[in-house]
Amino acid sequence: MKKAFLQAVNSFRQSLPMMIGLLMLINFLEPFFRKYYSRIFSGNYFIDPLIGAAAGSISFGIPVTSYVVGGELLNQGVSLVAVAAFILAWTTVGVAMLPLESSFLGKKFAVTRNVVNFIFSLVIAVLTVVTLKFFQ
């Protein structure tokens, strides 16, 4: 048990500089991307979720702040399906974190996890909007 704990601490200590660097880069670039989100959505029910999921995959955020970002995008006229896809991809797909994730979990697993989460962000976004329309 002690050996496993020491290995975990050592692994965390080795990955900490890479994690800090990636998070600083993401936090630095996020404000530049955020102001263009409302301009790139066309209002198309099929293309907007793709754009939203792609934008969410490239940028990276934590779930707590996604509610604020999602509300702002809705206030700027972005469709609900695009916002849902964006938030789902933003919190579950991490293109920027892929090198770090690959180094710890393996490249095949990291890529597969990100691809599956991207696809599910599209499916869940569409199902969310369809479900809301059904109950209204």
C-alpha atoms as a PDB file:
ATOM      1  CA  MET A   1       0.000   0.000   0.000  1.00  0.00           C
ATOM      2  CA  LYS A   2       2.806   2.378   0.885  1.00  0.00           C
ATOM      3  CA  LYS A   3       4.625   1.587  -2.362  1.00  0.00           C
ATOM      4  CA  ALA A   4       1.514   2.295  -4.441  1.00  0.00           C
ATOM      5  CA  PHE A   5       0.953   5.572  -2.631  1.00  0.00           C
ATOM      6  CA  LEU A   6       4.545   6.684  -3.224  1.00  0.00           C
ATOM      7  CA  GLN A   7       4.275   5.767  -6.911  1.00  0.00           C
ATOM      8  CA  ALA A   8       1.083   7.806  -7.213  1.00  0.00           C
ATOM      9  CA  VAL A   9       2.684  10.811  -5.520  1.00  0.00           C
ATOM     10  CA  ASN A  10       5.761  10.530  -7.744  1.00  0.00           C
ATOM     11  CA  SER A  11       3.622  10.251 -10.872  1.00  0.00           C
ATOM     12  CA  PHE A  12       1.596  13.289  -9.839  1.00  0.00           C
ATOM     13  CA  ARG A  13       4.749  15.280  -9.115  1.00  0.00           C
ATOM     14  CA  GLN A  14       6.138  14.455 -12.560  1.00  0.00           C
ATOM     15  CA  SER A  15       2.928  15.446 -14.344  1.00  0.00           C
ATOM     16  CA  LEU A  16       2.292  18.648 -12.400  1.00  0.00           C
ATOM     17  CA  PRO A  17       4.459  20.950 -14.577  1.00  0.00           C
ATOM     18  CA  MET A  18       2.767  19.703 -17.765  1.00  0.00           C
ATOM     19  CA  MET A  19      -0.713  20.112 -16.238  1.00  0.00           C
ATOM     20  CA  ILE A  20       0.042  23.628 -15.019  1.00  0.00           C
ATOM     21  CA  GLY A  21       1.455  24.631 -18.408  1.00  0.00           C
ATOM     22  CA  LEU A  22      -1.570  23.281 -20.296  1.00  0.00           C
ATOM     23  CA  LEU A  23      -4.048  24.907 -17.943  1.00  0.00           C
ATOM     24  CA  MET A  24      -2.250  28.254 -18.204  1.00  0.00           C
ATOM     25  CA  LEU A  25      -2.276  28.035 -21.998  1.00  0.00           C
ATOM     26  CA  ILE A  26      -5.968  27.144 -22.065  1.00  0.00           C
ATOM     27  CA  ASN A  27      -6.888  29.946 -19.668  1.00  0.00           C
ATOM     28  CA  PHE A  28      -4.836  32.401 -21.720  1.00  0.00           C
ATOM     29  CA  LEU A  29      -6.469  31.483 -25.053  1.00  0.00           C
ATOM     30  CA  GLU A  30     -10.065  31.019 -23.874  1.00  0.00           C
ATOM     31  CA  PRO A  31     -11.022  34.757 -23.784  1.00  0.00           C
ATOM     32  CA  PHE A  32      -9.847  35.186 -27.388  1.00  0.00           C
ATOM     33  CA  PHE A  33     -12.085  32.357 -28.599  1.00  0.00           C
ATOM     34  CA  ARG A  34     -15.102  33.200 -26.451  1.00  0.00           C
ATOM     35  CA  LYS A  35     -15.950  36.485 -28.215  1.00  0.00           C
ATOM     36  CA  TYR A  36     -16.182  34.733 -31.603  1.00  0.00           C
ATOM     37  CA  TYR A  37     -18.520  31.905 -30.600  1.00  0.00           C
ATOM     38  CA  SER A  38     -21.721  33.813 -31.289  1.00  0.00           C
ATOM     39  CA  ARG A  39     -20.464  34.784 -34.768  1.00  0.00           C
ATOM     40  CA  ILE A  40     -19.692  31.298 -36.025  1.00  0.00           C
ATOM     41  CA  PHE A  41     -23.080  29.690 -35.403  1.00  0.00           C
ATOM     42  CA  SER A  42     -25.339  29.799 -38.460  1.00  0.00           C
ATOM     43  CA  GLY A  43     -28.646  28.714 -36.917  1.00  0.00           C
ATOM     44  CA  ASN A  44     -28.604  25.434 -38.868  1.00  0.00           C
ATOM     45  CA  TYR A  45     -29.967  22.562 -36.755  1.00  0.00           C
ATOM     46  CA  PHE A  46     -27.463  20.080 -38.219  1.00  0.00           C
ATOM     47  CA  ILE A  47     -24.317  22.203 -38.542  1.00  0.00           C
ATOM     48  CA  ASP A  48     -24.561  24.160 -35.273  1.00  0.00           C
ATOM     49  CA  PRO A  49     -24.095  21.112 -33.015  1.00  0.00           C
ATOM     50  CA  LEU A  50     -21.010  20.136 -35.021  1.00  0.00           C
ATOM     51  CA  ILE A  51     -19.593  23.636 -34.695  1.00  0.00           C
ATOM     52  CA  GLY A  52     -20.507  23.736 -31.003  1.00  0.00           C
ATOM     53  CA  ALA A  53     -18.924  20.376 -30.279  1.00  0.00           C
ATOM     54  CA  ALA A  54     -15.799  21.261 -32.258  1.00  0.00           C
ATOM     55  CA  ALA A  55     -15.442  24.608 -30.470  1.00  0.00           C
ATOM     56  CA  GLY A  56     -16.038  22.940 -27.121  1.00  0.00           C
ATOM     57  CA  SER A  57     -13.469  20.253 -27.886  1.00  0.00           C
ATOM     58  CA  ILE A  58     -10.779  22.757 -28.766  1.00  0.00           C
ATOM     59  CA  SER A  59     -11.415  24.976 -25.803  1.00  0.00           C
ATOM     60  CA  PHE A  60     -11.554  23.422 -22.387  1.00  0.00           C
ATOM     61  CA  GLY A  61     -13.540  24.272 -19.304  1.00  0.00           C
ATOM     62  CA  ILE A  62     -14.806  23.054 -16.001  1.00  0.00           C
ATOM     63  CA  PRO A  63     -18.461  22.140 -15.487  1.00  0.00           C
ATOM     64  CA  VAL A  64     -19.141  24.895 -12.941  1.00  0.00           C
ATOM     65  CA  THR A  65     -18.330  27.683 -15.384  1.00  0.00           C
ATOM     66  CA  SER A  66     -20.117  25.989 -18.274  1.00  0.00           C
ATOM     67  CA  TYR A  67     -23.492  27.200 -16.991  1.00  0.00           C
ATOM     68  CA  VAL A  68     -22.377  30.811 -17.174  1.00  0.00           C
ATOM     69  CA  VAL A  69     -20.827  30.380 -20.626  1.00  0.00           C
ATOM     70  CA  GLY A  70     -23.900  28.506 -21.863  1.00  0.00           C
ATOM     71  CA  GLY A  71     -26.199  31.238 -20.578  1.00  0.00           C
ATOM     72  CA  GLU A  72     -24.133  33.912 -22.278  1.00  0.00           C
ATOM     73  CA  LEU A  73     -24.173  32.030 -25.574  1.00  0.00           C
ATOM     74  CA  LEU A  74     -27.958  31.631 -25.354  1.00  0.00           C
ATOM     75  CA  ASN A  75     -28.271  35.377 -24.619  1.00  0.00           C
ATOM     76  CA  GLN A  76     -26.227  36.099 -27.755  1.00  0.00           C
ATOM     77  CA  GLY A  77     -28.673  34.130 -29.895  1.00  0.00           C
ATOM     78  CA  VAL A  78     -26.850  30.816 -30.224  1.00  0.00           C
ATOM     79  CA  SER A  79     -29.273  27.886 -30.547  1.00  0.00           C
ATOM     80  CA  LEU A  80     -29.883  25.540 -27.638  1.00  0.00           C
ATOM     81  CA  VAL A  81     -28.662  22.495 -29.572  1.00  0.00           C
ATOM     82  CA  ALA A  82     -25.353  24.244 -30.310  1.00  0.00           C
ATOM     83  CA  VAL A  83     -24.947  25.369 -26.695  1.00  0.00           C
ATOM     84  CA  ALA A  84     -25.716  21.884 -25.397  1.00  0.00           C
ATOM     85  CA  ALA A  85     -23.174  20.304 -27.762  1.00  0.00           C
ATOM     86  CA  PHE A  86     -20.640  22.981 -26.875  1.00  0.00           C
ATOM     87  CA  ILE A  87     -21.001  22.494 -23.120  1.00  0.00           C
ATOM     88  CA  LEU A  88     -20.936  18.710 -23.336  1.00  0.00           C
ATOM     89  CA  ALA A  89     -17.795  18.724 -25.481  1.00  0.00           C
ATOM     90  CA  TRP A  90     -16.260  21.538 -23.422  1.00  0.00           C
ATOM     91  CA  THR A  91     -16.452  19.494 -20.245  1.00  0.00           C
ATOM     92  CA  THR A  92     -15.812  15.977 -21.602  1.00  0.00           C
ATOM     93  CA  VAL A  93     -13.554  16.282 -24.655  1.00  0.00           C
ATOM     94  CA  GLY A  94     -10.097  17.692 -24.149  1.00  0.00           C
ATOM     95  CA  VAL A  95      -8.075  18.122 -27.305  1.00  0.00           C
ATOM     96  CA  ALA A  96      -5.641  20.361 -25.440  1.00  0.00           C
ATOM     97  CA  MET A  97      -5.216  17.743 -22.716  1.00  0.00           C
ATOM     98  CA  LEU A  98      -4.744  14.866 -25.166  1.00  0.00           C
ATOM     99  CA  PRO A  99      -0.926  14.706 -24.853  1.00  0.00           C
ATOM    100  CA  LEU A 100      -1.125  14.586 -21.073  1.00  0.00           C
ATOM    101  CA  GLU A 101      -3.938  12.037 -21.090  1.00  0.00           C
ATOM    102  CA  SER A 102      -2.074   9.916 -23.656  1.00  0.00           C
ATOM    103  CA  SER A 103       1.056   9.850 -21.548  1.00  0.00           C
ATOM    104  CA  PHE A 104      -0.839   8.475 -18.551  1.00  0.00           C
ATOM    105  CA  LEU A 105      -3.584   6.319 -20.041  1.00  0.00           C
ATOM    106  CA  GLY A 106      -2.188   5.423 -23.434  1.00  0.00           C
ATOM    107  CA  LYS A 107      -2.758   7.004 -26.819  1.00  0.00           C
ATOM    108  CA  LYS A 108      -5.403   4.521 -27.992  1.00  0.00           C
ATOM    109  CA  PHE A 109      -7.522   4.942 -24.866  1.00  0.00           C
ATOM    110  CA  ALA A 110      -7.218   8.741 -24.847  1.00  0.00           C
ATOM    111  CA  VAL A 111      -8.158   9.111 -28.512  1.00  0.00           C
ATOM    112  CA  THR A 112     -11.021   6.619 -28.218  1.00  0.00           C
ATOM    113  CA  ARG A 113     -12.392   8.365 -25.120  1.00  0.00           C
ATOM    114  CA  ASN A 114     -12.299  11.753 -26.817  1.00  0.00           C
ATOM    115  CA  VAL A 115     -13.912  10.514 -30.048  1.00  0.00           C
ATOM    116  CA  VAL A 116     -16.688   8.728 -28.156  1.00  0.00           C
ATOM    117  CA  ASN A 117     -17.326  11.799 -25.993  1.00  0.00           C
ATOM    118  CA  PHE A 118     -17.439  14.011 -29.089  1.00  0.00           C
ATOM    119  CA  ILE A 119     -20.020  11.766 -30.756  1.00  0.00           C
ATOM    120  CA  PHE A 120     -22.088  11.522 -27.576  1.00  0.00           C
ATOM    121  CA  SER A 121     -22.005  15.298 -27.133  1.00  0.00           C
ATOM    122  CA  LEU A 122     -23.757  15.588 -30.502  1.00  0.00           C
ATOM    123  CA  VAL A 123     -26.271  12.848 -29.776  1.00  0.00           C
ATOM    124  CA  ILE A 124     -27.106  14.095 -26.279  1.00  0.00           C
ATOM    125  CA  ALA A 125     -27.433  17.700 -27.469  1.00  0.00           C
ATOM    126  CA  VAL A 126     -29.977  16.720 -30.128  1.00  0.00           C
ATOM    127  CA  LEU A 127     -31.840  14.436 -27.723  1.00  0.00           C
ATOM    128  CA  THR A 128     -31.954  17.207 -25.124  1.00  0.00           C
ATOM    129  CA  VAL A 129     -33.581  19.646 -27.523  1.00  0.00           C
ATOM    130  CA  VAL A 130     -35.982  17.018 -28.870  1.00  0.00           C
ATOM    131  CA  THR A 131     -36.960  16.042 -25.326  1.00  0.00           C
ATOM    132  CA  LEU A 132     -37.546  19.660 -24.329  1.00  0.00           C
ATOM    133  CA  LYS A 133     -39.722  20.233 -27.405  1.00  0.00           C
ATOM    134  CA  PHE A 134     -41.682  17.072 -26.630  1.00  0.00           C
ATOM    135  CA  PHE A 135     -42.516  18.225 -23.084  1.00  0.00           C
ATOM    136  CA  GLN A 136     -43.393  21.807 -23.993  1.00  0.00           C
END
